[in-house]
N, C-alpha and C. Protein backbone atom coordinates (compact mmCIF):
# COMPACT_ATOMS: atom_id res chain seq x y z
N MET A 1 -18.65 -11.14 -18.57
CA MET A 1 -18.96 -10.42 -17.87
C MET A 1 -18.62 -11.77 -17.36
N LYS A 2 -17.76 -10.74 -15.70
CA LYS A 2 -17.64 -11.81 -15.32
C LYS A 2 -17.97 -12.49 -14.15
N ARG A 3 -18.16 -13.66 -14.04
CA ARG A 3 -19.46 -14.45 -12.77
C ARG A 3 -18.07 -14.08 -10.95
N ILE A 4 -19.52 -13.97 -10.30
CA ILE A 4 -18.65 -14.37 -9.15
C ILE A 4 -20.09 -14.28 -7.87
N LEU A 5 -19.62 -15.07 -7.39
CA LEU A 5 -20.11 -15.91 -6.04
C LEU A 5 -19.61 -15.64 -5.25
N VAL A 6 -20.79 -15.60 -4.45
CA VAL A 6 -20.87 -14.38 -2.98
C VAL A 6 -21.75 -15.61 -1.42
N VAL A 7 -21.34 -15.01 -0.53
CA VAL A 7 -21.46 -16.70 0.16
C VAL A 7 -21.55 -16.38 1.40
N ASP A 8 -22.72 -15.87 2.10
CA ASP A 8 -22.58 -15.47 3.31
C ASP A 8 -24.31 -16.16 3.73
N ASP A 9 -24.29 -16.29 5.75
CA ASP A 9 -25.67 -16.74 5.63
C ASP A 9 -25.84 -15.42 6.00
N ASP A 10 -25.72 -14.50 5.96
CA ASP A 10 -26.64 -12.96 6.34
C ASP A 10 -27.55 -12.62 5.46
N PRO A 11 -27.95 -12.54 5.31
CA PRO A 11 -29.35 -12.36 3.59
C PRO A 11 -28.82 -11.02 3.22
N ASP A 12 -28.94 -10.46 4.64
CA ASP A 12 -29.58 -8.92 4.35
C ASP A 12 -27.54 -8.05 4.14
N ILE A 13 -27.07 -8.71 4.54
CA ILE A 13 -24.66 -8.70 4.12
C ILE A 13 -24.76 -9.08 2.11
N LEU A 14 -25.91 -10.15 2.09
CA LEU A 14 -25.84 -11.07 0.52
C LEU A 14 -26.61 -10.39 -0.20
N HIS A 15 -27.86 -9.71 0.11
CA HIS A 15 -28.12 -8.27 -0.62
C HIS A 15 -27.10 -6.63 -1.25
N ILE A 16 -26.75 -6.71 -0.42
CA ILE A 16 -26.06 -5.22 0.07
C ILE A 16 -24.67 -5.77 -1.11
N ILE A 17 -24.25 -7.03 -0.85
CA ILE A 17 -23.01 -7.03 -1.57
C ILE A 17 -23.43 -7.67 -3.64
N SER A 18 -24.71 -7.67 -3.17
CA SER A 18 -25.22 -8.06 -5.41
C SER A 18 -25.55 -7.23 -5.27
N GLU A 19 -26.01 -6.22 -5.42
CA GLU A 19 -27.04 -5.47 -5.05
C GLU A 19 -25.00 -4.65 -6.14
N ILE A 20 -23.86 -4.40 -5.14
CA ILE A 20 -22.74 -3.25 -5.62
C ILE A 20 -23.07 -3.48 -6.71
N LEU A 21 -22.10 -4.91 -7.03
CA LEU A 21 -21.38 -5.87 -7.74
C LEU A 21 -22.40 -5.98 -9.36
N SER A 22 -23.52 -6.02 -8.80
CA SER A 22 -24.92 -6.33 -9.85
C SER A 22 -24.04 -5.05 -11.11
N GLU A 23 -25.24 -3.54 -10.14
CA GLU A 23 -24.73 -2.39 -11.14
C GLU A 23 -23.20 -2.15 -11.05
N ALA A 24 -22.68 -2.62 -10.35
CA ALA A 24 -21.14 -2.36 -11.06
C ALA A 24 -20.63 -3.53 -12.99
N GLY A 25 -21.80 -3.96 -12.89
CA GLY A 25 -21.90 -5.59 -13.91
C GLY A 25 -21.18 -6.20 -14.24
N TYR A 26 -21.02 -7.49 -12.59
CA TYR A 26 -20.73 -8.06 -12.55
C TYR A 26 -21.79 -8.96 -12.47
N ALA A 27 -21.67 -10.53 -12.81
CA ALA A 27 -23.04 -11.44 -12.79
C ALA A 27 -23.05 -12.27 -12.16
N VAL A 28 -23.47 -11.80 -10.57
CA VAL A 28 -23.57 -12.08 -9.88
C VAL A 28 -24.58 -13.94 -8.91
N ASP A 29 -23.73 -14.36 -8.68
CA ASP A 29 -24.75 -16.00 -7.93
C ASP A 29 -24.66 -15.39 -6.03
N THR A 30 -26.00 -15.80 -5.50
CA THR A 30 -25.85 -15.96 -3.66
C THR A 30 -26.07 -17.00 -3.92
N ILE A 31 -25.14 -17.69 -2.13
CA ILE A 31 -25.55 -18.48 -1.77
C ILE A 31 -25.07 -18.45 -0.16
N GLN A 32 -26.32 -19.07 0.67
CA GLN A 32 -25.88 -18.98 1.96
C GLN A 32 -25.73 -19.38 2.60
N ASP A 33 -24.76 -20.76 2.25
CA ASP A 33 -24.17 -21.38 3.38
C ASP A 33 -23.02 -22.32 2.31
N GLY A 34 -21.98 -22.72 3.88
CA GLY A 34 -20.69 -23.40 2.72
C GLY A 34 -20.41 -24.30 2.75
N GLN A 35 -21.44 -25.47 2.36
CA GLN A 35 -21.55 -26.22 1.85
C GLN A 35 -22.92 -26.02 0.36
N GLY A 36 -23.40 -25.34 -0.26
CA GLY A 36 -23.97 -25.17 -1.60
C GLY A 36 -23.07 -24.54 -1.71
N ALA A 37 -22.75 -23.36 -1.43
CA ALA A 37 -20.86 -23.47 -1.97
C ALA A 37 -19.85 -24.08 -2.86
N ILE A 38 -20.16 -25.32 -1.79
CA ILE A 38 -19.17 -26.54 -2.62
C ILE A 38 -18.86 -27.15 -3.66
N GLU A 39 -21.00 -27.16 -3.44
CA GLU A 39 -21.87 -27.29 -4.73
C GLU A 39 -22.13 -26.90 -6.15
N ARG A 40 -21.78 -26.14 -6.41
CA ARG A 40 -22.05 -25.10 -6.98
C ARG A 40 -20.30 -24.89 -7.84
N LEU A 41 -19.72 -24.80 -6.30
CA LEU A 41 -19.03 -24.51 -7.33
C LEU A 41 -17.79 -26.29 -7.72
N LYS A 42 -18.48 -28.11 -7.89
CA LYS A 42 -17.97 -28.52 -8.23
C LYS A 42 -18.81 -28.36 -10.28
N VAL A 43 -19.78 -27.45 -9.75
CA VAL A 43 -20.31 -28.03 -11.16
C VAL A 43 -20.24 -26.14 -12.39
N GLU A 44 -19.67 -25.10 -11.74
CA GLU A 44 -20.10 -24.44 -11.68
C GLU A 44 -18.76 -23.35 -11.86
N PHE A 45 -18.62 -22.29 -12.13
CA PHE A 45 -17.18 -21.92 -12.96
C PHE A 45 -17.18 -20.09 -12.12
N TYR A 46 -16.82 -19.19 -11.75
CA TYR A 46 -16.04 -18.43 -10.81
C TYR A 46 -15.27 -17.84 -11.39
N ASP A 47 -15.09 -17.03 -11.62
CA ASP A 47 -14.32 -15.47 -11.60
C ASP A 47 -13.57 -14.82 -9.76
N LEU A 48 -14.39 -14.73 -8.65
CA LEU A 48 -13.95 -14.46 -7.65
C LEU A 48 -14.71 -15.37 -7.05
N VAL A 49 -14.67 -15.50 -6.19
CA VAL A 49 -15.99 -16.40 -5.15
C VAL A 49 -15.24 -15.93 -3.32
N ILE A 50 -16.27 -14.26 -2.74
CA ILE A 50 -16.51 -13.73 -1.59
C ILE A 50 -17.12 -14.25 -0.89
N THR A 51 -16.85 -15.26 0.40
CA THR A 51 -17.18 -16.21 0.97
C THR A 51 -16.74 -15.44 2.72
N ASP A 52 -18.07 -15.77 3.29
CA ASP A 52 -17.93 -15.19 4.62
C ASP A 52 -17.43 -16.03 5.06
N LEU A 53 -16.36 -15.79 6.31
CA LEU A 53 -15.40 -16.82 6.93
C LEU A 53 -15.85 -17.32 8.26
N ASN A 54 -17.19 -16.92 8.98
CA ASN A 54 -17.33 -17.76 10.00
C ASN A 54 -19.45 -18.23 9.55
N MET A 55 -19.81 -18.59 9.22
CA MET A 55 -20.95 -19.81 8.85
C MET A 55 -20.51 -20.43 9.84
N PRO A 56 -22.43 -21.37 10.09
CA PRO A 56 -22.80 -22.32 10.93
C PRO A 56 -22.47 -23.51 9.80
N GLU A 57 -21.80 -24.57 10.04
CA GLU A 57 -21.75 -26.20 9.64
C GLU A 57 -20.38 -25.92 8.90
N VAL A 58 -20.16 -25.36 7.63
CA VAL A 58 -19.12 -25.60 6.81
C VAL A 58 -18.72 -23.97 6.49
N GLY A 59 -17.97 -23.91 6.76
CA GLY A 59 -17.89 -21.58 6.71
C GLY A 59 -16.27 -21.32 5.71
N GLY A 60 -16.21 -20.92 5.61
CA GLY A 60 -15.42 -20.00 4.83
C GLY A 60 -14.35 -20.05 4.58
N MET A 61 -13.68 -21.15 5.95
CA MET A 61 -12.17 -21.79 4.96
C MET A 61 -12.34 -23.14 4.80
N GLU A 62 -13.77 -23.47 5.09
CA GLU A 62 -13.95 -24.74 4.12
C GLU A 62 -13.81 -24.63 2.46
N VAL A 63 -15.01 -23.76 2.07
CA VAL A 63 -14.93 -23.31 1.08
C VAL A 63 -13.64 -22.81 0.16
N LEU A 64 -12.25 -21.76 1.18
CA LEU A 64 -11.82 -21.72 -0.02
C LEU A 64 -10.60 -22.46 0.19
N LYS A 65 -10.60 -23.59 1.28
CA LYS A 65 -9.56 -25.24 1.07
C LYS A 65 -10.14 -25.68 -0.11
N PHE A 66 -11.60 -26.23 -0.51
CA PHE A 66 -12.46 -26.53 -1.71
C PHE A 66 -11.45 -25.96 -3.11
N ILE A 67 -11.38 -24.65 -3.09
CA ILE A 67 -10.67 -23.87 -4.56
C ILE A 67 -9.93 -24.63 -4.69
N VAL A 68 -8.78 -23.45 -3.42
CA VAL A 68 -7.14 -24.52 -3.46
C VAL A 68 -7.27 -25.41 -3.95
């Protein structure tokens, strides 16, 4: 099963995206902040990361730079 990490500071967006992807058969983890996403990515592998770009403190661009 493909694993997806969804990162967004809006819990409603996290819930909607997570539900859609889970129903489509993906294993989905959610994180509400960029720093938490970076910490998770240090120890877990994901096939796809979906991130909000505009988050307080550590934004989505920093998360993407960490991945690359």
